[in-house]
Amino acid sequence: MFDIDLWREIFQSINKNRTRSLLSGFTVTFAILLFTVLFGIANGLNNTFAKEFVDDAANAVFIRSGTTTKPYKGLQAGRKIQFKNEDYQYIKTDFEENVEYITSRIYKDVVASYKNEKNNYSLRAVHPDHQYLEKTKVYKGRYINQRDMDLKTKVIVIGKLVKEDLFLKSDPIGKYVNLSGISYKVVGVFSDDGGDNEERLVYMPLTTAQLVYGNNDYVDQINLTYNPKLDFNEAIDFSLDLEKKLKERFFVAANDQRAVRVFNMAMQNKGINQMTSVLGILILVIGLGTLIAGIVGISNIMIFIVKERTKEIGIRKALGASPKSIVSIILIESILITTIAGYFGLLLGVGILEWVGPSLKTYFITNPSVSTQLVVSATLTLIGAGALAGYLPAKKASKIKPIVALRDD
């Protein structure tokens, strides 16, 4: 049952002892504030890493060709390495167990026009699997399929911003776009979390591009995703073996770093995971240390408060107050102060993160925020500690005889 007299007495006690109450509250506020800011910054770093690779598959491998820088087996340096369809097929067949999706790429710059609208775009000629490597989201129509590849059809899939540039508000599906003098049918429109640059792309079947632009079987790049069942170390070993085999295939020296380059996201992801794990442990240790410091601070203050109120407790007992009522008033006061201070610390911490958040992008911290559940749990821990810190000395003091309490100095 709600006892208004009890709560009036508690607020009077708090108001009468403002310095003591402020000291108790400050300890909790500072602990929760620091806890919130630390975990917010840690989450901001994780958000940066996640955003950096949001538009590529996490298990992607990029294979690029270049120019040899070292002579090898009688061949001079300066040779241009050119990938072909047969190299794509070699990787797909010989490394089948370790390959999930695979595509070749051809890059072109085109002038696209439809009716009175015209603009310059980048064109990528790809295999159907490319959709999964780039996390392309087709929201209208369809993507390139194997039938397009087999028949070398003149179809394209355009990015969301290409659609807005050329077609404005009209539906592009089934319409024909002129790409540098050749008409192509639009069969799909896609969006991409990578942003504007990715949504200003045009995709077409790789075989169509090979026929139209040179009538050859050359490709500029080969990309794939490794089997997701591989762990980081297995994935890295796979890409190293792949690089070694490709260098042997093109007669490239093992220490030539520019002729055939294989970049595996597993290497980067492994480093990021290790760094975020270490950072997470560090933040957790500091956060727990902050909470422990807060708990110790509350305990010391509560012990002092009970000691200071020994005479008051003696008078209460002399007037007939029960030990239970003495403990409850001190306990409720402790919980009330801790709760209000904890909530204030949470608000202050979230406010600071929102205030400094935009400026932290310079330090690779994106959208620093903290889980409400985590901070509430930390606050409840401090409240529990405050309650325990108040209960033990209050319980002890409630057992003191009134005459002894009144004599206490």
Protein backbone atom coordinates (compact mmCIF):
# COMPACT_ATOMS: atom_id res chain seq x y z
CA MET A 1 0.00 0.00 0.00
CA PHE A 2 1.29 3.50 -0.91
CA ASP A 3 2.33 5.39 2.25
CA ILE A 4 2.35 9.11 1.48
CA ASP A 5 3.85 9.96 4.87
CA LEU A 6 6.79 7.66 4.17
CA TRP A 7 7.51 9.30 0.80
CA ARG A 8 7.09 12.80 2.29
CA GLU A 9 9.65 11.90 4.90
CA ILE A 10 12.05 10.53 2.27
CA PHE A 11 11.88 13.70 0.17
CA GLN A 12 12.31 15.85 3.25
CA SER A 13 15.42 13.85 4.13
CA ILE A 14 16.82 14.28 0.63
CA ASN A 15 16.06 18.01 0.63
CA LYS A 16 17.59 18.46 4.07
CA ASN A 17 20.79 16.67 3.10
CA ARG A 18 21.31 18.01 -0.42
CA THR A 19 25.11 17.69 -0.44
CA ARG A 20 24.92 14.07 0.65
CA SER A 21 22.24 13.31 -1.97
CA LEU A 22 24.18 15.08 -4.73
CA LEU A 23 27.34 13.13 -3.89
CA SER A 24 25.41 9.86 -4.07
CA GLY A 25 23.76 10.84 -7.34
CA PHE A 26 26.94 12.16 -8.96
CA THR A 27 28.72 8.85 -8.46
CA VAL A 28 25.94 6.96 -10.24
CA THR A 29 25.48 9.59 -12.98
CA PHE A 30 29.18 9.66 -13.83
CA ALA A 31 29.42 5.86 -13.91
CA ILE A 32 26.43 5.47 -16.27
CA LEU A 33 27.55 8.44 -18.40
CA LEU A 34 31.03 7.01 -18.93
CA PHE A 35 29.62 3.53 -19.50
CA THR A 36 27.22 4.85 -22.18
CA VAL A 37 29.85 6.92 -24.02
CA LEU A 38 32.43 4.10 -24.07
CA PHE A 39 30.05 1.51 -25.48
CA GLY A 40 28.60 4.07 -27.89
CA ILE A 41 32.05 4.75 -29.37
CA ALA A 42 32.73 1.00 -29.66
CA ASN A 43 29.44 0.54 -31.53
CA GLY A 44 30.33 3.50 -33.76
CA LEU A 45 33.54 1.78 -34.85
CA ASN A 46 31.63 -1.43 -35.59
CA ASN A 47 29.12 0.58 -37.64
CA THR A 48 31.97 2.06 -39.69
CA PHE A 49 33.35 -1.38 -40.55
CA ALA A 50 29.89 -2.69 -41.42
CA LYS A 51 29.10 0.32 -43.63
CA GLU A 52 32.41 0.11 -45.46
CA PHE A 53 31.59 -3.31 -46.88
CA VAL A 54 27.80 -3.12 -46.95
CA ASP A 55 27.51 -3.50 -50.74
CA ASP A 56 29.89 -6.47 -51.15
CA ALA A 57 29.52 -10.04 -49.99
CA ALA A 58 31.52 -10.63 -46.80
CA ASN A 59 33.15 -13.70 -48.38
CA ALA A 60 34.11 -12.03 -51.67
CA VAL A 61 37.40 -12.59 -53.51
CA PHE A 62 38.52 -10.15 -56.23
CA ILE A 63 41.00 -11.33 -58.89
CA ARG A 64 42.63 -8.58 -60.94
CA SER A 65 45.23 -8.69 -63.68
CA GLY A 66 48.06 -6.26 -64.29
CA THR A 67 51.52 -6.08 -65.81
CA THR A 68 54.50 -8.24 -64.88
CA THR A 69 57.32 -6.46 -63.09
CA LYS A 70 59.85 -9.31 -63.09
CA PRO A 71 61.24 -11.53 -65.87
CA TYR A 72 60.32 -15.21 -65.51
CA LYS A 73 61.25 -18.35 -67.44
CA GLY A 74 62.76 -16.39 -70.29
CA LEU A 75 59.82 -13.97 -70.53
CA GLN A 76 60.49 -10.27 -70.14
CA ALA A 77 58.99 -7.96 -67.55
CA GLY A 78 56.26 -5.63 -68.71
CA ARG A 79 53.90 -8.30 -70.11
CA LYS A 80 50.21 -7.48 -69.89
CA ILE A 81 48.20 -10.28 -68.25
CA GLN A 82 44.82 -10.69 -69.92
CA PHE A 83 42.11 -12.88 -68.43
CA LYS A 84 39.79 -14.82 -70.77
CA ASN A 85 36.66 -16.91 -70.50
CA GLU A 86 38.79 -20.03 -70.19
CA ASP A 87 40.38 -18.63 -67.01
CA TYR A 88 36.93 -18.05 -65.53
CA GLN A 89 36.02 -21.63 -66.44
CA TYR A 90 39.30 -22.95 -64.98
CA ILE A 91 38.64 -21.36 -61.60
CA LYS A 92 34.99 -22.41 -61.58
CA THR A 93 35.87 -26.04 -62.39
CA ASP A 94 39.18 -26.66 -60.61
CA PHE A 95 38.18 -24.90 -57.39
CA GLU A 96 34.53 -25.94 -57.44
CA GLU A 97 34.45 -27.10 -53.80
CA ASN A 98 35.64 -23.75 -52.51
CA VAL A 99 33.65 -21.48 -54.85
CA GLU A 100 30.09 -20.42 -54.02
CA TYR A 101 29.38 -17.81 -56.74
CA ILE A 102 31.65 -16.62 -59.54
CA THR A 103 31.49 -13.95 -62.25
CA SER A 104 33.73 -12.18 -64.74
CA ARG A 105 33.56 -8.44 -65.34
CA ILE A 106 34.09 -6.17 -68.30
CA TYR A 107 34.17 -2.41 -67.72
CA LYS A 108 33.00 0.21 -70.23
CA ASP A 109 31.97 3.85 -70.15
CA VAL A 110 28.83 4.57 -72.16
CA VAL A 111 26.58 7.46 -73.11
CA ALA A 112 22.99 6.44 -72.36
CA SER A 113 20.03 8.21 -73.89
CA TYR A 114 16.27 7.82 -73.83
CA LYS A 115 14.09 10.32 -75.71
CA ASN A 116 15.37 13.75 -74.64
CA GLU A 117 17.38 12.55 -71.64
CA LYS A 118 21.09 11.72 -71.90
CA ASN A 119 23.91 11.03 -69.43
CA ASN A 120 27.24 9.23 -68.97
CA TYR A 121 27.37 5.98 -66.98
CA SER A 122 29.68 3.10 -66.17
CA LEU A 123 28.76 -0.23 -67.69
CA ARG A 124 29.56 -3.61 -66.16
CA ALA A 125 29.17 -6.76 -68.22
CA VAL A 126 28.77 -9.70 -65.84
CA HIS A 127 27.53 -13.25 -65.26
CA PRO A 128 24.21 -13.86 -63.40
CA ASP A 129 26.10 -14.74 -60.18
CA HIS A 130 27.26 -11.13 -59.96
CA GLN A 131 23.98 -10.20 -58.28
CA TYR A 132 24.97 -12.12 -55.14
CA LEU A 133 28.52 -10.74 -54.97
CA GLU A 134 27.31 -7.14 -55.06
CA LYS A 135 24.14 -7.70 -53.00
CA THR A 136 22.19 -6.10 -55.84
CA LYS A 137 18.49 -5.69 -54.96
CA VAL A 138 16.26 -5.89 -58.03
CA TYR A 139 13.01 -4.16 -57.08
CA LYS A 140 11.48 -3.99 -60.56
CA GLY A 141 11.75 -6.55 -63.32
CA ARG A 142 14.58 -9.10 -63.21
CA TYR A 143 18.34 -9.52 -63.27
CA ILE A 144 20.50 -11.00 -66.03
CA ASN A 145 19.98 -14.76 -66.37
CA GLN A 146 21.69 -17.69 -68.06
CA ARG A 147 19.40 -17.49 -71.10
CA ASP A 148 20.67 -13.94 -71.71
CA MET A 149 24.21 -15.30 -71.55
CA ASP A 150 23.53 -18.17 -73.95
CA LEU A 151 21.64 -16.09 -76.53
CA LYS A 152 23.80 -12.96 -76.07
CA THR A 153 20.65 -10.89 -75.78
CA LYS A 154 20.81 -7.11 -75.82
CA VAL A 155 19.26 -6.50 -72.42
CA ILE A 156 20.37 -4.32 -69.51
CA VAL A 157 19.59 -3.86 -65.83
CA ILE A 158 19.87 -0.26 -64.68
CA GLY A 159 20.48 1.34 -61.30
CA LYS A 160 17.82 3.30 -59.45
CA LEU A 161 19.46 6.65 -60.20
CA VAL A 162 19.88 5.79 -63.90
CA LYS A 163 16.16 5.13 -64.01
CA GLU A 164 15.44 8.49 -62.35
CA ASP A 165 17.80 10.33 -64.73
CA LEU A 166 16.53 8.86 -67.98
CA PHE A 167 12.94 7.84 -67.32
CA LEU A 168 12.01 10.33 -64.62
CA LYS A 169 8.74 8.95 -63.20
CA SER A 170 7.84 6.53 -66.02
CA ASP A 171 8.28 2.75 -65.90
CA PRO A 172 11.49 1.70 -67.73
CA ILE A 173 10.75 -2.04 -67.97
CA GLY A 174 10.46 -3.10 -71.62
CA LYS A 175 11.74 0.27 -72.91
CA TYR A 176 14.85 0.60 -75.08
CA VAL A 177 17.86 2.67 -74.07
CA ASN A 178 20.55 3.74 -76.51
CA LEU A 179 24.05 2.99 -75.19
CA SER A 180 26.66 4.69 -77.38
CA GLY A 181 24.69 4.02 -80.54
CA ILE A 182 23.27 0.56 -79.73
CA SER A 183 19.76 -0.08 -78.38
CA TYR A 184 19.24 -2.33 -75.35
CA LYS A 185 16.03 -3.44 -73.68
CA VAL A 186 15.65 -2.60 -69.98
CA VAL A 187 14.59 -5.76 -68.09
CA GLY A 188 15.26 -4.69 -64.50
CA VAL A 189 15.93 -1.86 -62.07
CA PHE A 190 18.06 -2.34 -58.95
CA SER A 191 19.05 -0.55 -55.77
CA ASP A 192 22.29 -0.96 -53.85
CA ASP A 193 23.22 -0.12 -50.26
CA GLY A 194 26.58 1.10 -51.58
CA GLY A 195 24.98 4.44 -52.43
CA ASP A 196 24.90 6.74 -55.44
CA ASN A 197 27.99 5.38 -57.22
CA GLU A 198 26.60 1.85 -57.26
CA GLU A 199 23.13 2.98 -58.33
CA ARG A 200 24.50 4.81 -61.39
CA LEU A 201 25.66 1.57 -62.98
CA VAL A 202 24.32 -0.37 -65.95
CA TYR A 203 24.64 -4.18 -66.10
CA MET A 204 24.49 -6.34 -69.24
CA PRO A 205 25.28 -9.99 -70.06
CA LEU A 206 29.02 -10.56 -70.34
CA THR A 207 28.70 -12.52 -73.58
CA THR A 208 26.75 -9.66 -75.17
CA ALA A 209 29.50 -7.17 -74.31
CA GLN A 210 32.19 -9.50 -75.66
CA LEU A 211 30.28 -9.76 -78.95
CA VAL A 212 29.48 -6.06 -79.28
CA TYR A 213 32.71 -4.56 -77.94
CA GLY A 214 35.50 -6.35 -79.79
CA ASN A 215 34.06 -9.79 -80.66
CA ASN A 216 36.54 -11.52 -78.30
CA ASP A 217 36.59 -13.58 -75.13
CA TYR A 218 38.55 -11.13 -72.96
CA VAL A 219 37.48 -10.18 -69.42
CA ASP A 220 38.84 -7.43 -67.17
CA GLN A 221 38.35 -9.07 -63.80
CA ILE A 222 37.11 -12.25 -62.13
CA ASN A 223 35.27 -12.13 -58.81
CA LEU A 224 33.92 -14.91 -56.64
CA THR A 225 32.67 -15.76 -53.19
CA TYR A 226 34.30 -18.60 -51.31
CA ASN A 227 32.36 -21.40 -49.68
CA PRO A 228 30.79 -19.89 -46.51
CA LYS A 229 31.58 -23.10 -44.64
CA LEU A 230 35.28 -22.14 -44.72
CA ASP A 231 36.62 -20.33 -41.68
CA PHE A 232 38.89 -17.31 -42.07
CA ASN A 233 42.13 -19.31 -42.11
CA GLU A 234 40.78 -21.85 -44.62
CA ALA A 235 39.48 -19.04 -46.84
CA ILE A 236 42.84 -17.27 -46.75
CA ASP A 237 44.65 -20.52 -47.61
CA PHE A 238 42.25 -21.00 -50.54
CA SER A 239 42.97 -17.56 -51.99
CA LEU A 240 46.73 -18.02 -51.57
CA ASP A 241 46.54 -21.33 -53.40
CA LEU A 242 44.39 -19.73 -56.10
CA GLU A 243 46.89 -16.90 -56.57
CA LYS A 244 49.78 -19.38 -56.77
CA LYS A 245 48.00 -21.50 -59.42
CA LEU A 246 47.08 -18.45 -61.51
CA LYS A 247 50.66 -17.17 -61.45
CA GLU A 248 51.85 -20.55 -62.63
CA ARG A 249 49.18 -20.51 -65.34
CA PHE A 250 50.37 -17.14 -66.68
CA PHE A 251 54.11 -17.74 -66.09
CA VAL A 252 54.42 -15.06 -63.45
CA ALA A 253 57.13 -15.02 -60.76
CA ALA A 254 55.84 -15.95 -57.30
CA ASN A 255 57.10 -12.65 -55.83
CA ASP A 256 55.58 -10.50 -58.61
CA GLN A 257 52.86 -8.57 -56.80
CA ARG A 258 51.34 -6.66 -59.75
CA ALA A 259 50.72 -9.20 -62.50
CA VAL A 260 48.01 -11.24 -60.75
CA ARG A 261 46.41 -9.82 -57.61
CA VAL A 262 43.97 -11.72 -55.43
CA PHE A 263 42.24 -9.74 -52.70
CA ASN A 264 40.30 -11.83 -50.21
CA MET A 265 37.79 -10.15 -47.89
CA ALA A 266 38.57 -12.88 -45.36
CA MET A 267 41.94 -11.25 -44.65
CA GLN A 268 40.31 -7.92 -43.93
CA ASN A 269 37.41 -9.44 -42.02
CA LYS A 270 39.78 -11.48 -39.87
CA GLY A 271 41.76 -8.36 -38.97
CA ILE A 272 38.57 -6.40 -38.27
CA ASN A 273 37.15 -9.19 -36.11
CA GLN A 274 40.37 -9.40 -34.11
CA MET A 275 40.47 -5.64 -33.64
CA THR A 276 36.81 -5.35 -32.67
CA SER A 277 37.17 -8.29 -30.28
CA VAL A 278 40.14 -6.66 -28.56
CA LEU A 279 38.32 -3.32 -28.52
CA GLY A 280 35.18 -4.97 -27.13
CA ILE A 281 37.16 -6.64 -24.32
CA LEU A 282 38.94 -3.37 -23.55
CA ILE A 283 35.68 -1.41 -23.46
CA LEU A 284 34.07 -4.13 -21.35
CA VAL A 285 36.93 -4.05 -18.83
CA ILE A 286 36.81 -0.25 -18.64
CA GLY A 287 33.01 -0.31 -18.41
CA LEU A 288 33.02 -2.91 -15.65
CA GLY A 289 35.75 -0.97 -13.88
CA THR A 290 33.56 2.12 -14.07
CA LEU A 291 30.60 0.24 -12.63
CA ILE A 292 32.72 -1.25 -9.85
CA ALA A 293 34.05 2.22 -9.02
CA GLY A 294 30.46 3.45 -8.93
CA ILE A 295 29.42 0.58 -6.68
CA VAL A 296 32.32 1.26 -4.30
CA GLY A 297 31.48 4.97 -4.30
CA ILE A 298 27.82 4.31 -3.50
CA SER A 299 28.74 1.82 -0.78
CA ASN A 300 31.10 4.25 0.94
CA ILE A 301 28.56 7.06 0.79
CA MET A 302 25.75 4.86 2.11
CA ILE A 303 27.90 3.64 4.99
CA PHE A 304 28.68 7.26 5.82
CA ILE A 305 24.99 8.22 5.53
CA VAL A 306 23.87 5.47 7.93
CA LYS A 307 26.66 6.38 10.34
CA GLU A 308 25.61 10.02 10.18
CA ARG A 309 22.00 9.10 10.91
CA THR A 310 22.72 6.86 13.90
CA LYS A 311 21.24 9.34 16.39
CA GLU A 312 18.19 9.79 14.16
CA ILE A 313 17.73 6.02 14.13
CA GLY A 314 18.00 5.98 17.94
CA ILE A 315 15.28 8.61 18.26
CA ARG A 316 13.05 6.68 15.83
CA LYS A 317 13.50 3.50 17.86
CA ALA A 318 12.83 5.38 21.09
CA LEU A 319 9.56 6.65 19.58
CA GLY A 320 8.53 3.11 18.70
CA ALA A 321 9.72 2.72 15.10
CA SER A 322 10.27 -0.89 14.08
CA PRO A 323 13.63 -2.07 12.64
CA LYS A 324 11.79 -2.85 9.37
CA SER A 325 10.54 0.73 8.96
CA ILE A 326 14.02 2.13 9.68
CA VAL A 327 15.62 -0.12 7.08
CA SER A 328 12.92 0.55 4.49
CA ILE A 329 13.19 4.34 4.66
CA ILE A 330 16.97 4.27 4.17
CA LEU A 331 16.68 1.60 1.47
CA ILE A 332 13.98 3.40 -0.54
CA GLU A 333 15.92 6.67 -0.30
CA SER A 334 19.03 4.92 -1.64
CA ILE A 335 17.13 3.29 -4.53
CA LEU A 336 15.34 6.52 -5.43
CA ILE A 337 18.55 8.56 -5.61
CA THR A 338 20.35 5.84 -7.59
CA THR A 339 17.46 5.43 -10.07
CA ILE A 340 17.07 9.16 -10.77
CA ALA A 341 20.84 9.65 -11.06
CA GLY A 342 21.20 6.58 -13.31
CA TYR A 343 18.47 7.78 -15.66
CA PHE A 344 20.03 11.24 -15.77
CA GLY A 345 23.41 9.69 -16.59
CA LEU A 346 21.81 7.68 -19.40
CA LEU A 347 20.15 10.77 -20.89
CA LEU A 348 23.37 12.74 -20.60
CA GLY A 349 25.41 9.98 -22.23
CA VAL A 350 22.99 9.54 -25.14
CA GLY A 351 22.83 13.31 -25.56
CA ILE A 352 26.62 13.59 -25.75
CA LEU A 353 26.79 10.79 -28.33
CA GLU A 354 24.16 12.50 -30.50
CA TRP A 355 25.87 15.87 -30.12
CA VAL A 356 29.40 14.77 -31.01
CA GLY A 357 28.33 11.92 -33.32
CA PRO A 358 28.61 13.82 -36.66
CA SER A 359 32.09 15.17 -35.82
CA LEU A 360 33.37 11.68 -34.94
CA LYS A 361 33.15 10.51 -38.58
CA THR A 362 36.61 12.05 -39.02
CA TYR A 363 37.86 9.39 -36.59
CA PHE A 364 36.01 6.54 -38.39
CA ILE A 365 33.21 6.43 -35.83
CA THR A 366 29.80 6.23 -37.51
CA ASN A 367 26.50 6.76 -35.68
CA PRO A 368 27.80 6.07 -32.16
CA SER A 369 24.96 4.63 -30.12
CA VAL A 370 24.40 2.21 -27.31
CA SER A 371 21.85 -0.49 -26.63
CA THR A 372 19.21 0.77 -24.20
CA GLN A 373 18.99 -2.73 -22.74
CA LEU A 374 22.72 -2.70 -21.96
CA VAL A 375 22.63 0.66 -20.19
CA VAL A 376 19.44 -0.21 -18.30
CA SER A 377 21.13 -3.42 -17.12
CA ALA A 378 24.12 -1.40 -15.93
CA THR A 379 21.80 1.05 -14.16
CA LEU A 380 19.89 -1.78 -12.48
CA THR A 381 23.23 -3.21 -11.33
CA LEU A 382 24.09 0.10 -9.70
CA ILE A 383 20.61 0.33 -8.18
CA GLY A 384 21.02 -3.17 -6.76
CA ALA A 385 24.46 -2.22 -5.44
CA GLY A 386 23.03 0.96 -3.91
CA ALA A 387 20.22 -0.98 -2.29
CA LEU A 388 22.62 -3.56 -0.89
CA ALA A 389 25.02 -0.85 0.23
CA GLY A 390 22.21 0.88 2.08
CA TYR A 391 20.59 -2.26 3.46
CA LEU A 392 23.57 -3.81 5.24
CA PRO A 393 24.58 -0.81 7.39
CA ALA A 394 20.89 0.14 7.90
CA LYS A 395 20.11 -3.36 9.11
CA LYS A 396 23.03 -3.19 11.49
CA ALA A 397 22.06 0.24 12.75
CA SER A 398 18.42 -0.80 13.25
CA LYS A 399 19.56 -3.37 15.81
CA ILE A 400 21.35 -0.80 17.98
CA LYS A 401 19.64 -0.01 21.28
CA PRO A 402 18.18 3.51 21.39
CA ILE A 403 20.34 4.58 24.36
CA VAL A 404 23.52 3.48 22.54
CA ALA A 405 22.47 5.28 19.34
CA LEU A 406 21.70 8.48 21.16
CA ARG A 407 25.16 8.46 22.78
CA ASP A 408 26.89 7.92 19.40
CA ASP A 409 29.24 10.70 18.36
